[in-house]
Amino acid sequence: DALRTSYDRVADAYVGMRAGDLGR
């Protein structure tokens, strides 16, 4: 539950930062 809440919390920033992008 804590992990789910944490990733919900950071999801928008994660996407905005293009974290996990394969291009590099």
PDBML (XML) file of the C-alpha atoms, coordinates in Angstrom:
<?xml version="1.0" encoding="UTF-8" ?>
<PDBx:datablock datablockName="MODEL"
   xmlns:PDBx="http://pdbml.pdb.org/schema/pdbx-v50.xsd"
   xmlns:xsi="http://www.w3.org/2001/XMLSchema-instance"
   xsi:schemaLocation="http://pdbml.pdb.org/schema/pdbx-v50.xsd pdbx-v50.xsd">
   <PDBx:atom_siteCategory>
      <PDBx:atom_site id="1">
         <PDBx:B_iso_or_equiv>0.00</PDBx:B_iso_or_equiv>
         <PDBx:Cartn_x>0.000</PDBx:Cartn_x>
         <PDBx:Cartn_y>0.000</PDBx:Cartn_y>
         <PDBx:Cartn_z>0.000</PDBx:Cartn_z>
         <PDBx:auth_asym_id>A</PDBx:auth_asym_id>
         <PDBx:auth_atom_id>CA</PDBx:auth_atom_id>
         <PDBx:auth_comp_id>ASP</PDBx:auth_comp_id>
         <PDBx:auth_seq_id>1</PDBx:auth_seq_id>
         <PDBx:group_PDB>ATOM</PDBx:group_PDB>
         <PDBx:label_alt_id xsi:nil="true" />
         <PDBx:label_asym_id>A</PDBx:label_asym_id>
         <PDBx:label_atom_id>CA</PDBx:label_atom_id>
         <PDBx:label_comp_id>ASP</PDBx:label_comp_id>
         <PDBx:label_entity_id>1</PDBx:label_entity_id>
         <PDBx:label_seq_id>1</PDBx:label_seq_id>
         <PDBx:occupancy>1.00</PDBx:occupancy>
         <PDBx:pdbx_PDB_model_num>1</PDBx:pdbx_PDB_model_num>
         <PDBx:type_symbol>C</PDBx:type_symbol>
      </PDBx:atom_site>
      <PDBx:atom_site id="2">
         <PDBx:B_iso_or_equiv>0.00</PDBx:B_iso_or_equiv>
         <PDBx:Cartn_x>2.821</PDBx:Cartn_x>
         <PDBx:Cartn_y>2.402</PDBx:Cartn_y>
         <PDBx:Cartn_z>0.863</PDBx:Cartn_z>
         <PDBx:auth_asym_id>A</PDBx:auth_asym_id>
         <PDBx:auth_atom_id>CA</PDBx:auth_atom_id>
         <PDBx:auth_comp_id>ALA</PDBx:auth_comp_id>
         <PDBx:auth_seq_id>2</PDBx:auth_seq_id>
         <PDBx:group_PDB>ATOM</PDBx:group_PDB>
         <PDBx:label_alt_id xsi:nil="true" />
         <PDBx:label_asym_id>A</PDBx:label_asym_id>
         <PDBx:label_atom_id>CA</PDBx:label_atom_id>
         <PDBx:label_comp_id>ALA</PDBx:label_comp_id>
         <PDBx:label_entity_id>1</PDBx:label_entity_id>
         <PDBx:label_seq_id>2</PDBx:label_seq_id>
         <PDBx:occupancy>1.00</PDBx:occupancy>
         <PDBx:pdbx_PDB_model_num>1</PDBx:pdbx_PDB_model_num>
         <PDBx:type_symbol>C</PDBx:type_symbol>
      </PDBx:atom_site>
      <PDBx:atom_site id="3">
         <PDBx:B_iso_or_equiv>0.00</PDBx:B_iso_or_equiv>
         <PDBx:Cartn_x>4.582</PDBx:Cartn_x>
         <PDBx:Cartn_y>1.575</PDBx:Cartn_y>
         <PDBx:Cartn_z>-2.395</PDBx:Cartn_z>
         <PDBx:auth_asym_id>A</PDBx:auth_asym_id>
         <PDBx:auth_atom_id>CA</PDBx:auth_atom_id>
         <PDBx:auth_comp_id>LEU</PDBx:auth_comp_id>
         <PDBx:auth_seq_id>3</PDBx:auth_seq_id>
         <PDBx:group_PDB>ATOM</PDBx:group_PDB>
         <PDBx:label_alt_id xsi:nil="true" />
         <PDBx:label_asym_id>A</PDBx:label_asym_id>
         <PDBx:label_atom_id>CA</PDBx:label_atom_id>
         <PDBx:label_comp_id>LEU</PDBx:label_comp_id>
         <PDBx:label_entity_id>1</PDBx:label_entity_id>
         <PDBx:label_seq_id>3</PDBx:label_seq_id>
         <PDBx:occupancy>1.00</PDBx:occupancy>
         <PDBx:pdbx_PDB_model_num>1</PDBx:pdbx_PDB_model_num>
         <PDBx:type_symbol>C</PDBx:type_symbol>
      </PDBx:atom_site>
      <PDBx:atom_site id="4">
         <PDBx:B_iso_or_equiv>0.00</PDBx:B_iso_or_equiv>
         <PDBx:Cartn_x>1.398</PDBx:Cartn_x>
         <PDBx:Cartn_y>2.112</PDBx:Cartn_y>
         <PDBx:Cartn_z>-4.419</PDBx:Cartn_z>
         <PDBx:auth_asym_id>A</PDBx:auth_asym_id>
         <PDBx:auth_atom_id>CA</PDBx:auth_atom_id>
         <PDBx:auth_comp_id>ARG</PDBx:auth_comp_id>
         <PDBx:auth_seq_id>4</PDBx:auth_seq_id>
         <PDBx:group_PDB>ATOM</PDBx:group_PDB>
         <PDBx:label_alt_id xsi:nil="true" />
         <PDBx:label_asym_id>A</PDBx:label_asym_id>
         <PDBx:label_atom_id>CA</PDBx:label_atom_id>
         <PDBx:label_comp_id>ARG</PDBx:label_comp_id>
         <PDBx:label_entity_id>1</PDBx:label_entity_id>
         <PDBx:label_seq_id>4</PDBx:label_seq_id>
         <PDBx:occupancy>1.00</PDBx:occupancy>
         <PDBx:pdbx_PDB_model_num>1</PDBx:pdbx_PDB_model_num>
         <PDBx:type_symbol>C</PDBx:type_symbol>
      </PDBx:atom_site>
      <PDBx:atom_site id="5">
         <PDBx:B_iso_or_equiv>0.00</PDBx:B_iso_or_equiv>
         <PDBx:Cartn_x>0.782</PDBx:Cartn_x>
         <PDBx:Cartn_y>5.458</PDBx:Cartn_y>
         <PDBx:Cartn_z>-2.737</PDBx:Cartn_z>
         <PDBx:auth_asym_id>A</PDBx:auth_asym_id>
         <PDBx:auth_atom_id>CA</PDBx:auth_atom_id>
         <PDBx:auth_comp_id>THR</PDBx:auth_comp_id>
         <PDBx:auth_seq_id>5</PDBx:auth_seq_id>
         <PDBx:group_PDB>ATOM</PDBx:group_PDB>
         <PDBx:label_alt_id xsi:nil="true" />
         <PDBx:label_asym_id>A</PDBx:label_asym_id>
         <PDBx:label_atom_id>CA</PDBx:label_atom_id>
         <PDBx:label_comp_id>THR</PDBx:label_comp_id>
         <PDBx:label_entity_id>1</PDBx:label_entity_id>
         <PDBx:label_seq_id>5</PDBx:label_seq_id>
         <PDBx:occupancy>1.00</PDBx:occupancy>
         <PDBx:pdbx_PDB_model_num>1</PDBx:pdbx_PDB_model_num>
         <PDBx:type_symbol>C</PDBx:type_symbol>
      </PDBx:atom_site>
      <PDBx:atom_site id="6">
         <PDBx:B_iso_or_equiv>0.00</PDBx:B_iso_or_equiv>
         <PDBx:Cartn_x>4.414</PDBx:Cartn_x>
         <PDBx:Cartn_y>6.476</PDBx:Cartn_y>
         <PDBx:Cartn_z>-3.302</PDBx:Cartn_z>
         <PDBx:auth_asym_id>A</PDBx:auth_asym_id>
         <PDBx:auth_atom_id>CA</PDBx:auth_atom_id>
         <PDBx:auth_comp_id>SER</PDBx:auth_comp_id>
         <PDBx:auth_seq_id>6</PDBx:auth_seq_id>
         <PDBx:group_PDB>ATOM</PDBx:group_PDB>
         <PDBx:label_alt_id xsi:nil="true" />
         <PDBx:label_asym_id>A</PDBx:label_asym_id>
         <PDBx:label_atom_id>CA</PDBx:label_atom_id>
         <PDBx:label_comp_id>SER</PDBx:label_comp_id>
         <PDBx:label_entity_id>1</PDBx:label_entity_id>
         <PDBx:label_seq_id>6</PDBx:label_seq_id>
         <PDBx:occupancy>1.00</PDBx:occupancy>
         <PDBx:pdbx_PDB_model_num>1</PDBx:pdbx_PDB_model_num>
         <PDBx:type_symbol>C</PDBx:type_symbol>
      </PDBx:atom_site>
      <PDBx:atom_site id="7">
         <PDBx:B_iso_or_equiv>0.00</PDBx:B_iso_or_equiv>
         <PDBx:Cartn_x>4.348</PDBx:Cartn_x>
         <PDBx:Cartn_y>5.728</PDBx:Cartn_y>
         <PDBx:Cartn_z>-7.019</PDBx:Cartn_z>
         <PDBx:auth_asym_id>A</PDBx:auth_asym_id>
         <PDBx:auth_atom_id>CA</PDBx:auth_atom_id>
         <PDBx:auth_comp_id>TYR</PDBx:auth_comp_id>
         <PDBx:auth_seq_id>7</PDBx:auth_seq_id>
         <PDBx:group_PDB>ATOM</PDBx:group_PDB>
         <PDBx:label_alt_id xsi:nil="true" />
         <PDBx:label_asym_id>A</PDBx:label_asym_id>
         <PDBx:label_atom_id>CA</PDBx:label_atom_id>
         <PDBx:label_comp_id>TYR</PDBx:label_comp_id>
         <PDBx:label_entity_id>1</PDBx:label_entity_id>
         <PDBx:label_seq_id>7</PDBx:label_seq_id>
         <PDBx:occupancy>1.00</PDBx:occupancy>
         <PDBx:pdbx_PDB_model_num>1</PDBx:pdbx_PDB_model_num>
         <PDBx:type_symbol>C</PDBx:type_symbol>
      </PDBx:atom_site>
      <PDBx:atom_site id="8">
         <PDBx:B_iso_or_equiv>0.00</PDBx:B_iso_or_equiv>
         <PDBx:Cartn_x>1.004</PDBx:Cartn_x>
         <PDBx:Cartn_y>7.463</PDBx:Cartn_y>
         <PDBx:Cartn_z>-7.398</PDBx:Cartn_z>
         <PDBx:auth_asym_id>A</PDBx:auth_asym_id>
         <PDBx:auth_atom_id>CA</PDBx:auth_atom_id>
         <PDBx:auth_comp_id>ASP</PDBx:auth_comp_id>
         <PDBx:auth_seq_id>8</PDBx:auth_seq_id>
         <PDBx:group_PDB>ATOM</PDBx:group_PDB>
         <PDBx:label_alt_id xsi:nil="true" />
         <PDBx:label_asym_id>A</PDBx:label_asym_id>
         <PDBx:label_atom_id>CA</PDBx:label_atom_id>
         <PDBx:label_comp_id>ASP</PDBx:label_comp_id>
         <PDBx:label_entity_id>1</PDBx:label_entity_id>
         <PDBx:label_seq_id>8</PDBx:label_seq_id>
         <PDBx:occupancy>1.00</PDBx:occupancy>
         <PDBx:pdbx_PDB_model_num>1</PDBx:pdbx_PDB_model_num>
         <PDBx:type_symbol>C</PDBx:type_symbol>
      </PDBx:atom_site>
      <PDBx:atom_site id="9">
         <PDBx:B_iso_or_equiv>0.00</PDBx:B_iso_or_equiv>
         <PDBx:Cartn_x>2.624</PDBx:Cartn_x>
         <PDBx:Cartn_y>10.468</PDBx:Cartn_y>
         <PDBx:Cartn_z>-5.738</PDBx:Cartn_z>
         <PDBx:auth_asym_id>A</PDBx:auth_asym_id>
         <PDBx:auth_atom_id>CA</PDBx:auth_atom_id>
         <PDBx:auth_comp_id>ARG</PDBx:auth_comp_id>
         <PDBx:auth_seq_id>9</PDBx:auth_seq_id>
         <PDBx:group_PDB>ATOM</PDBx:group_PDB>
         <PDBx:label_alt_id xsi:nil="true" />
         <PDBx:label_asym_id>A</PDBx:label_asym_id>
         <PDBx:label_atom_id>CA</PDBx:label_atom_id>
         <PDBx:label_comp_id>ARG</PDBx:label_comp_id>
         <PDBx:label_entity_id>1</PDBx:label_entity_id>
         <PDBx:label_seq_id>9</PDBx:label_seq_id>
         <PDBx:occupancy>1.00</PDBx:occupancy>
         <PDBx:pdbx_PDB_model_num>1</PDBx:pdbx_PDB_model_num>
         <PDBx:type_symbol>C</PDBx:type_symbol>
      </PDBx:atom_site>
      <PDBx:atom_site id="10">
         <PDBx:B_iso_or_equiv>0.00</PDBx:B_iso_or_equiv>
         <PDBx:Cartn_x>5.671</PDBx:Cartn_x>
         <PDBx:Cartn_y>10.562</PDBx:Cartn_y>
         <PDBx:Cartn_z>-8.037</PDBx:Cartn_z>
         <PDBx:auth_asym_id>A</PDBx:auth_asym_id>
         <PDBx:auth_atom_id>CA</PDBx:auth_atom_id>
         <PDBx:auth_comp_id>VAL</PDBx:auth_comp_id>
         <PDBx:auth_seq_id>10</PDBx:auth_seq_id>
         <PDBx:group_PDB>ATOM</PDBx:group_PDB>
         <PDBx:label_alt_id xsi:nil="true" />
         <PDBx:label_asym_id>A</PDBx:label_asym_id>
         <PDBx:label_atom_id>CA</PDBx:label_atom_id>
         <PDBx:label_comp_id>VAL</PDBx:label_comp_id>
         <PDBx:label_entity_id>1</PDBx:label_entity_id>
         <PDBx:label_seq_id>10</PDBx:label_seq_id>
         <PDBx:occupancy>1.00</PDBx:occupancy>
         <PDBx:pdbx_PDB_model_num>1</PDBx:pdbx_PDB_model_num>
         <PDBx:type_symbol>C</PDBx:type_symbol>
      </PDBx:atom_site>
      <PDBx:atom_site id="11">
         <PDBx:B_iso_or_equiv>0.00</PDBx:B_iso_or_equiv>
         <PDBx:Cartn_x>4.011</PDBx:Cartn_x>
         <PDBx:Cartn_y>9.420</PDBx:Cartn_y>
         <PDBx:Cartn_z>-11.277</PDBx:Cartn_z>
         <PDBx:auth_asym_id>A</PDBx:auth_asym_id>
         <PDBx:auth_atom_id>CA</PDBx:auth_atom_id>
         <PDBx:auth_comp_id>ALA</PDBx:auth_comp_id>
         <PDBx:auth_seq_id>11</PDBx:auth_seq_id>
         <PDBx:group_PDB>ATOM</PDBx:group_PDB>
         <PDBx:label_alt_id xsi:nil="true" />
         <PDBx:label_asym_id>A</PDBx:label_asym_id>
         <PDBx:label_atom_id>CA</PDBx:label_atom_id>
         <PDBx:label_comp_id>ALA</PDBx:label_comp_id>
         <PDBx:label_entity_id>1</PDBx:label_entity_id>
         <PDBx:label_seq_id>11</PDBx:label_seq_id>
         <PDBx:occupancy>1.00</PDBx:occupancy>
         <PDBx:pdbx_PDB_model_num>1</PDBx:pdbx_PDB_model_num>
         <PDBx:type_symbol>C</PDBx:type_symbol>
      </PDBx:atom_site>
      <PDBx:atom_site id="12">
         <PDBx:B_iso_or_equiv>0.00</PDBx:B_iso_or_equiv>
         <PDBx:Cartn_x>3.469</PDBx:Cartn_x>
         <PDBx:Cartn_y>12.891</PDBx:Cartn_y>
         <PDBx:Cartn_z>-12.749</PDBx:Cartn_z>
         <PDBx:auth_asym_id>A</PDBx:auth_asym_id>
         <PDBx:auth_atom_id>CA</PDBx:auth_atom_id>
         <PDBx:auth_comp_id>ASP</PDBx:auth_comp_id>
         <PDBx:auth_seq_id>12</PDBx:auth_seq_id>
         <PDBx:group_PDB>ATOM</PDBx:group_PDB>
         <PDBx:label_alt_id xsi:nil="true" />
         <PDBx:label_asym_id>A</PDBx:label_asym_id>
         <PDBx:label_atom_id>CA</PDBx:label_atom_id>
         <PDBx:label_comp_id>ASP</PDBx:label_comp_id>
         <PDBx:label_entity_id>1</PDBx:label_entity_id>
         <PDBx:label_seq_id>12</PDBx:label_seq_id>
         <PDBx:occupancy>1.00</PDBx:occupancy>
         <PDBx:pdbx_PDB_model_num>1</PDBx:pdbx_PDB_model_num>
         <PDBx:type_symbol>C</PDBx:type_symbol>
      </PDBx:atom_site>
      <PDBx:atom_site id="13">
         <PDBx:B_iso_or_equiv>0.00</PDBx:B_iso_or_equiv>
         <PDBx:Cartn_x>7.047</PDBx:Cartn_x>
         <PDBx:Cartn_y>13.961</PDBx:Cartn_y>
         <PDBx:Cartn_z>-11.972</PDBx:Cartn_z>
         <PDBx:auth_asym_id>A</PDBx:auth_asym_id>
         <PDBx:auth_atom_id>CA</PDBx:auth_atom_id>
         <PDBx:auth_comp_id>ALA</PDBx:auth_comp_id>
         <PDBx:auth_seq_id>13</PDBx:auth_seq_id>
         <PDBx:group_PDB>ATOM</PDBx:group_PDB>
         <PDBx:label_alt_id xsi:nil="true" />
         <PDBx:label_asym_id>A</PDBx:label_asym_id>
         <PDBx:label_atom_id>CA</PDBx:label_atom_id>
         <PDBx:label_comp_id>ALA</PDBx:label_comp_id>
         <PDBx:label_entity_id>1</PDBx:label_entity_id>
         <PDBx:label_seq_id>13</PDBx:label_seq_id>
         <PDBx:occupancy>1.00</PDBx:occupancy>
         <PDBx:pdbx_PDB_model_num>1</PDBx:pdbx_PDB_model_num>
         <PDBx:type_symbol>C</PDBx:type_symbol>
      </PDBx:atom_site>
      <PDBx:atom_site id="14">
         <PDBx:B_iso_or_equiv>0.00</PDBx:B_iso_or_equiv>
         <PDBx:Cartn_x>8.398</PDBx:Cartn_x>
         <PDBx:Cartn_y>10.645</PDBx:Cartn_y>
         <PDBx:Cartn_z>-13.317</PDBx:Cartn_z>
         <PDBx:auth_asym_id>A</PDBx:auth_asym_id>
         <PDBx:auth_atom_id>CA</PDBx:auth_atom_id>
         <PDBx:auth_comp_id>TYR</PDBx:auth_comp_id>
         <PDBx:auth_seq_id>14</PDBx:auth_seq_id>
         <PDBx:group_PDB>ATOM</PDBx:group_PDB>
         <PDBx:label_alt_id xsi:nil="true" />
         <PDBx:label_asym_id>A</PDBx:label_asym_id>
         <PDBx:label_atom_id>CA</PDBx:label_atom_id>
         <PDBx:label_comp_id>TYR</PDBx:label_comp_id>
         <PDBx:label_entity_id>1</PDBx:label_entity_id>
         <PDBx:label_seq_id>14</PDBx:label_seq_id>
         <PDBx:occupancy>1.00</PDBx:occupancy>
         <PDBx:pdbx_PDB_model_num>1</PDBx:pdbx_PDB_model_num>
         <PDBx:type_symbol>C</PDBx:type_symbol>
      </PDBx:atom_site>
      <PDBx:atom_site id="15">
         <PDBx:B_iso_or_equiv>0.00</PDBx:B_iso_or_equiv>
         <PDBx:Cartn_x>6.631</PDBx:Cartn_x>
         <PDBx:Cartn_y>11.201</PDBx:Cartn_y>
         <PDBx:Cartn_z>-16.618</PDBx:Cartn_z>
         <PDBx:auth_asym_id>A</PDBx:auth_asym_id>
         <PDBx:auth_atom_id>CA</PDBx:auth_atom_id>
         <PDBx:auth_comp_id>VAL</PDBx:auth_comp_id>
         <PDBx:auth_seq_id>15</PDBx:auth_seq_id>
         <PDBx:group_PDB>ATOM</PDBx:group_PDB>
         <PDBx:label_alt_id xsi:nil="true" />
         <PDBx:label_asym_id>A</PDBx:label_asym_id>
         <PDBx:label_atom_id>CA</PDBx:label_atom_id>
         <PDBx:label_comp_id>VAL</PDBx:label_comp_id>
         <PDBx:label_entity_id>1</PDBx:label_entity_id>
         <PDBx:label_seq_id>15</PDBx:label_seq_id>
         <PDBx:occupancy>1.00</PDBx:occupancy>
         <PDBx:pdbx_PDB_model_num>1</PDBx:pdbx_PDB_model_num>
         <PDBx:type_symbol>C</PDBx:type_symbol>
      </PDBx:atom_site>
      <PDBx:atom_site id="16">
         <PDBx:B_iso_or_equiv>0.00</PDBx:B_iso_or_equiv>
         <PDBx:Cartn_x>7.539</PDBx:Cartn_x>
         <PDBx:Cartn_y>14.889</PDBx:Cartn_y>
         <PDBx:Cartn_z>-16.746</PDBx:Cartn_z>
         <PDBx:auth_asym_id>A</PDBx:auth_asym_id>
         <PDBx:auth_atom_id>CA</PDBx:auth_atom_id>
         <PDBx:auth_comp_id>GLY</PDBx:auth_comp_id>
         <PDBx:auth_seq_id>16</PDBx:auth_seq_id>
         <PDBx:group_PDB>ATOM</PDBx:group_PDB>
         <PDBx:label_alt_id xsi:nil="true" />
         <PDBx:label_asym_id>A</PDBx:label_asym_id>
         <PDBx:label_atom_id>CA</PDBx:label_atom_id>
         <PDBx:label_comp_id>GLY</PDBx:label_comp_id>
         <PDBx:label_entity_id>1</PDBx:label_entity_id>
         <PDBx:label_seq_id>16</PDBx:label_seq_id>
         <PDBx:occupancy>1.00</PDBx:occupancy>
         <PDBx:pdbx_PDB_model_num>1</PDBx:pdbx_PDB_model_num>
         <PDBx:type_symbol>C</PDBx:type_symbol>
      </PDBx:atom_site>
      <PDBx:atom_site id="17">
         <PDBx:B_iso_or_equiv>0.00</PDBx:B_iso_or_equiv>
         <PDBx:Cartn_x>11.230</PDBx:Cartn_x>
         <PDBx:Cartn_y>14.040</PDBx:Cartn_y>
         <PDBx:Cartn_z>-16.267</PDBx:Cartn_z>
         <PDBx:auth_asym_id>A</PDBx:auth_asym_id>
         <PDBx:auth_atom_id>CA</PDBx:auth_atom_id>
         <PDBx:auth_comp_id>MET</PDBx:auth_comp_id>
         <PDBx:auth_seq_id>17</PDBx:auth_seq_id>
         <PDBx:group_PDB>ATOM</PDBx:group_PDB>
         <PDBx:label_alt_id xsi:nil="true" />
         <PDBx:label_asym_id>A</PDBx:label_asym_id>
         <PDBx:label_atom_id>CA</PDBx:label_atom_id>
         <PDBx:label_comp_id>MET</PDBx:label_comp_id>
         <PDBx:label_entity_id>1</PDBx:label_entity_id>
         <PDBx:label_seq_id>17</PDBx:label_seq_id>
         <PDBx:occupancy>1.00</PDBx:occupancy>
         <PDBx:pdbx_PDB_model_num>1</PDBx:pdbx_PDB_model_num>
         <PDBx:type_symbol>C</PDBx:type_symbol>
      </PDBx:atom_site>
      <PDBx:atom_site id="18">
         <PDBx:B_iso_or_equiv>0.00</PDBx:B_iso_or_equiv>
         <PDBx:Cartn_x>11.057</PDBx:Cartn_x>
         <PDBx:Cartn_y>11.292</PDBx:Cartn_y>
         <PDBx:Cartn_z>-18.914</PDBx:Cartn_z>
         <PDBx:auth_asym_id>A</PDBx:auth_asym_id>
         <PDBx:auth_atom_id>CA</PDBx:auth_atom_id>
         <PDBx:auth_comp_id>ARG</PDBx:auth_comp_id>
         <PDBx:auth_seq_id>18</PDBx:auth_seq_id>
         <PDBx:group_PDB>ATOM</PDBx:group_PDB>
         <PDBx:label_alt_id xsi:nil="true" />
         <PDBx:label_asym_id>A</PDBx:label_asym_id>
         <PDBx:label_atom_id>CA</PDBx:label_atom_id>
         <PDBx:label_comp_id>ARG</PDBx:label_comp_id>
         <PDBx:label_entity_id>1</PDBx:label_entity_id>
         <PDBx:label_seq_id>18</PDBx:label_seq_id>
         <PDBx:occupancy>1.00</PDBx:occupancy>
         <PDBx:pdbx_PDB_model_num>1</PDBx:pdbx_PDB_model_num>
         <PDBx:type_symbol>C</PDBx:type_symbol>
      </PDBx:atom_site>
      <PDBx:atom_site id="19">
         <PDBx:B_iso_or_equiv>0.00</PDBx:B_iso_or_equiv>
         <PDBx:Cartn_x>12.504</PDBx:Cartn_x>
         <PDBx:Cartn_y>8.902</PDBx:Cartn_y>
         <PDBx:Cartn_z>-16.351</PDBx:Cartn_z>
         <PDBx:auth_asym_id>A</PDBx:auth_asym_id>
         <PDBx:auth_atom_id>CA</PDBx:auth_atom_id>
         <PDBx:auth_comp_id>ALA</PDBx:auth_comp_id>
         <PDBx:auth_seq_id>19</PDBx:auth_seq_id>
         <PDBx:group_PDB>ATOM</PDBx:group_PDB>
         <PDBx:label_alt_id xsi:nil="true" />
         <PDBx:label_asym_id>A</PDBx:label_asym_id>
         <PDBx:label_atom_id>CA</PDBx:label_atom_id>
         <PDBx:label_comp_id>ALA</PDBx:label_comp_id>
         <PDBx:label_entity_id>1</PDBx:label_entity_id>
         <PDBx:label_seq_id>19</PDBx:label_seq_id>
         <PDBx:occupancy>1.00</PDBx:occupancy>
         <PDBx:pdbx_PDB_model_num>1</PDBx:pdbx_PDB_model_num>
         <PDBx:type_symbol>C</PDBx:type_symbol>
      </PDBx:atom_site>
      <PDBx:atom_site id="20">
         <PDBx:B_iso_or_equiv>0.00</PDBx:B_iso_or_equiv>
         <PDBx:Cartn_x>13.105</PDBx:Cartn_x>
         <PDBx:Cartn_y>5.485</PDBx:Cartn_y>
         <PDBx:Cartn_z>-17.830</PDBx:Cartn_z>
         <PDBx:auth_asym_id>A</PDBx:auth_asym_id>
         <PDBx:auth_atom_id>CA</PDBx:auth_atom_id>
         <PDBx:auth_comp_id>GLY</PDBx:auth_comp_id>
         <PDBx:auth_seq_id>20</PDBx:auth_seq_id>
         <PDBx:group_PDB>ATOM</PDBx:group_PDB>
         <PDBx:label_alt_id xsi:nil="true" />
         <PDBx:label_asym_id>A</PDBx:label_asym_id>
         <PDBx:label_atom_id>CA</PDBx:label_atom_id>
         <PDBx:label_comp_id>GLY</PDBx:label_comp_id>
         <PDBx:label_entity_id>1</PDBx:label_entity_id>
         <PDBx:label_seq_id>20</PDBx:label_seq_id>
         <PDBx:occupancy>1.00</PDBx:occupancy>
         <PDBx:pdbx_PDB_model_num>1</PDBx:pdbx_PDB_model_num>
         <PDBx:type_symbol>C</PDBx:type_symbol>
      </PDBx:atom_site>
      <PDBx:atom_site id="21">
         <PDBx:B_iso_or_equiv>0.00</PDBx:B_iso_or_equiv>
         <PDBx:Cartn_x>13.455</PDBx:Cartn_x>
         <PDBx:Cartn_y>6.904</PDBx:Cartn_y>
         <PDBx:Cartn_z>-21.340</PDBx:Cartn_z>
         <PDBx:auth_asym_id>A</PDBx:auth_asym_id>
         <PDBx:auth_atom_id>CA</PDBx:auth_atom_id>
         <PDBx:auth_comp_id>ASP</PDBx:auth_comp_id>
         <PDBx:auth_seq_id>21</PDBx:auth_seq_id>
         <PDBx:group_PDB>ATOM</PDBx:group_PDB>
         <PDBx:label_alt_id xsi:nil="true" />
         <PDBx:label_asym_id>A</PDBx:label_asym_id>
         <PDBx:label_atom_id>CA</PDBx:label_atom_id>
         <PDBx:label_comp_id>ASP</PDBx:label_comp_id>
         <PDBx:label_entity_id>1</PDBx:label_entity_id>
         <PDBx:label_seq_id>21</PDBx:label_seq_id>
         <PDBx:occupancy>1.00</PDBx:occupancy>
         <PDBx:pdbx_PDB_model_num>1</PDBx:pdbx_PDB_model_num>
         <PDBx:type_symbol>C</PDBx:type_symbol>
      </PDBx:atom_site>
      <PDBx:atom_site id="22">
         <PDBx:B_iso_or_equiv>0.00</PDBx:B_iso_or_equiv>
         <PDBx:Cartn_x>15.370</PDBx:Cartn_x>
         <PDBx:Cartn_y>4.534</PDBx:Cartn_y>
         <PDBx:Cartn_z>-23.603</PDBx:Cartn_z>
         <PDBx:auth_asym_id>A</PDBx:auth_asym_id>
         <PDBx:auth_atom_id>CA</PDBx:auth_atom_id>
         <PDBx:auth_comp_id>LEU</PDBx:auth_comp_id>
         <PDBx:auth_seq_id>22</PDBx:auth_seq_id>
         <PDBx:group_PDB>ATOM</PDBx:group_PDB>
         <PDBx:label_alt_id xsi:nil="true" />
         <PDBx:label_asym_id>A</PDBx:label_asym_id>
         <PDBx:label_atom_id>CA</PDBx:label_atom_id>
         <PDBx:label_comp_id>LEU</PDBx:label_comp_id>
         <PDBx:label_entity_id>1</PDBx:label_entity_id>
         <PDBx:label_seq_id>22</PDBx:label_seq_id>
         <PDBx:occupancy>1.00</PDBx:occupancy>
         <PDBx:pdbx_PDB_model_num>1</PDBx:pdbx_PDB_model_num>
         <PDBx:type_symbol>C</PDBx:type_symbol>
      </PDBx:atom_site>
      <PDBx:atom_site id="23">
         <PDBx:B_iso_or_equiv>0.00</PDBx:B_iso_or_equiv>
         <PDBx:Cartn_x>16.700</PDBx:Cartn_x>
         <PDBx:Cartn_y>7.158</PDBx:Cartn_y>
         <PDBx:Cartn_z>-25.975</PDBx:Cartn_z>
         <PDBx:auth_asym_id>A</PDBx:auth_asym_id>
         <PDBx:auth_atom_id>CA</PDBx:auth_atom_id>
         <PDBx:auth_comp_id>GLY</PDBx:auth_comp_id>
         <PDBx:auth_seq_id>23</PDBx:auth_seq_id>
         <PDBx:group_PDB>ATOM</PDBx:group_PDB>
         <PDBx:label_alt_id xsi:nil="true" />
         <PDBx:label_asym_id>A</PDBx:label_asym_id>
         <PDBx:label_atom_id>CA</PDBx:label_atom_id>
         <PDBx:label_comp_id>GLY</PDBx:label_comp_id>
         <PDBx:label_entity_id>1</PDBx:label_entity_id>
         <PDBx:label_seq_id>23</PDBx:label_seq_id>
         <PDBx:occupancy>1.00</PDBx:occupancy>
         <PDBx:pdbx_PDB_model_num>1</PDBx:pdbx_PDB_model_num>
         <PDBx:type_symbol>C</PDBx:type_symbol>
      </PDBx:atom_site>
      <PDBx:atom_site id="24">
         <PDBx:B_iso_or_equiv>0.00</PDBx:B_iso_or_equiv>
         <PDBx:Cartn_x>20.052</PDBx:Cartn_x>
         <PDBx:Cartn_y>7.547</PDBx:Cartn_y>
         <PDBx:Cartn_z>-24.219</PDBx:Cartn_z>
         <PDBx:auth_asym_id>A</PDBx:auth_asym_id>
         <PDBx:auth_atom_id>CA</PDBx:auth_atom_id>
         <PDBx:auth_comp_id>ARG</PDBx:auth_comp_id>
         <PDBx:auth_seq_id>24</PDBx:auth_seq_id>
         <PDBx:group_PDB>ATOM</PDBx:group_PDB>
         <PDBx:label_alt_id xsi:nil="true" />
         <PDBx:label_asym_id>A</PDBx:label_asym_id>
         <PDBx:label_atom_id>CA</PDBx:label_atom_id>
         <PDBx:label_comp_id>ARG</PDBx:label_comp_id>
         <PDBx:label_entity_id>1</PDBx:label_entity_id>
         <PDBx:label_seq_id>24</PDBx:label_seq_id>
         <PDBx:occupancy>1.00</PDBx:occupancy>
         <PDBx:pdbx_PDB_model_num>1</PDBx:pdbx_PDB_model_num>
         <PDBx:type_symbol>C</PDBx:type_symbol>
      </PDBx:atom_site>
   </PDBx:atom_siteCategory>
</PDBx:datablock>
